[in-house]
C-alpha atoms as a PDB file:
ATOM      1  CA  MET A   1     159.646 157.623 295.840  1.00  0.00           C
ATOM      2  CA  ALA A   2     158.905 160.784 293.676  1.00  0.00           C
ATOM      3  CA  VAL A   3     157.331 160.216 290.266  1.00  0.00           C
ATOM      4  CA  GLN A   4     159.359 161.575 287.339  1.00  0.00           C
ATOM      5  CA  LYS A   5     157.868 163.771 284.448  1.00  0.00           C
ATOM      6  CA  PRO A   6     158.959 162.224 281.217  1.00  0.00           C
ATOM      7  CA  SER A   7     161.297 164.673 279.494  1.00  0.00           C
ATOM      8  CA  ILE A   8     161.144 165.672 275.800  1.00  0.00           C
ATOM      9  CA  PRO A   9     164.493 164.976 273.801  1.00  0.00           C
ATOM     10  CA  LYS A  10     166.649 168.170 273.639  1.00  0.00           C
ATOM     11  CA  GLY A  11     166.061 170.449 270.669  1.00  0.00           C
ATOM     12  CA  THR A  12     162.371 169.248 270.132  1.00  0.00           C
ATOM     13  CA  ARG A  13     159.169 171.028 271.243  1.00  0.00           C
ATOM     14  CA  ASP A  14     155.357 170.588 271.621  1.00  0.00           C
ATOM     15  CA  PHE A  15     152.866 172.566 269.629  1.00  0.00           C
ATOM     16  CA  SER A  16     149.268 173.711 271.089  1.00  0.00           C
ATOM     17  CA  PRO A  17     146.070 172.914 268.867  1.00  0.00           C
ATOM     18  CA  ALA A  18     145.818 176.577 268.073  1.00  0.00           C
ATOM     19  CA  GLU A  19     149.571 176.381 266.837  1.00  0.00           C
ATOM     20  CA  MET A  20     148.957 173.052 264.952  1.00  0.00           C
ATOM     21  CA  ALA A  21     146.046 174.720 263.302  1.00  0.00           C
ATOM     22  CA  ARG A  22     148.304 177.447 261.843  1.00  0.00           C
ATOM     23  CA  ARG A  23     151.078 175.275 260.902  1.00  0.00           C
ATOM     24  CA  ASN A  24     149.059 172.855 259.237  1.00  0.00           C
ATOM     25  CA  PHE A  25     147.545 175.808 257.052  1.00  0.00           C
ATOM     26  CA  ILE A  26     150.755 177.049 256.158  1.00  0.00           C
ATOM     27  CA  LEU A  27     152.316 173.626 255.342  1.00  0.00           C
ATOM     28  CA  ASP A  28     149.117 172.543 253.385  1.00  0.00           C
ATOM     29  CA  THR A  29     149.461 175.915 251.115  1.00  0.00           C
ATOM     30  CA  ILE A  30     153.102 175.242 250.598  1.00  0.00           C
ATOM     31  CA  LYS A  31     152.393 171.606 249.520  1.00  0.00           C
ATOM     32  CA  THR A  32     149.671 172.658 247.216  1.00  0.00           C
ATOM     33  CA  VAL A  33     152.012 175.294 245.490  1.00  0.00           C
ATOM     34  CA  TYR A  34     154.722 172.593 245.078  1.00  0.00           C
ATOM     35  CA  LYS A  35     152.391 169.936 243.621  1.00  0.00           C
ATOM     36  CA  LEU A  36     151.525 172.513 240.956  1.00  0.00           C
ATOM     37  CA  TYR A  37     155.215 172.445 239.750  1.00  0.00           C
ATOM     38  CA  GLY A  38     155.537 168.880 239.771  1.00  0.00           C
ATOM     39  CA  PHE A  39     157.427 168.274 243.345  1.00  0.00           C
ATOM     40  CA  GLN A  40     156.786 165.119 245.071  1.00  0.00           C
ATOM     41  CA  GLN A  41     156.823 164.452 248.838  1.00  0.00           C
ATOM     42  CA  ILE A  42     159.304 162.248 250.587  1.00  0.00           C
ATOM     43  CA  GLU A  43     159.588 161.401 254.292  1.00  0.00           C
ATOM     44  CA  THR A  44     163.019 161.245 256.114  1.00  0.00           C
ATOM     45  CA  PRO A  45     163.797 160.355 259.803  1.00  0.00           C
ATOM     46  CA  ALA A  46     163.180 163.168 262.229  1.00  0.00           C
ATOM     47  CA  MET A  47     165.830 161.871 264.655  1.00  0.00           C
ATOM     48  CA  GLU A  48     169.074 159.564 264.135  1.00  0.00           C
ATOM     49  CA  ILE A  49     171.112 157.759 266.597  1.00  0.00           C
ATOM     50  CA  LEU A  50     174.237 159.244 266.954  1.00  0.00           C
ATOM     51  CA  ASN A  51     177.404 157.353 267.746  1.00  0.00           C
ATOM     52  CA  PRO A  52     179.959 158.852 270.153  1.00  0.00           C
END
């Protein structure tokens, strides 16, 4: 019996540690500027269930 490798959902991807460092730097800079202008952060679901 062959072991199956888990697959990631279509439309998603993984980021390497180097990519995450760059990504976090950019996002942190954006968040800092947004806060200067009074914006507040919210969080919404990244994925939703689709009903056929």
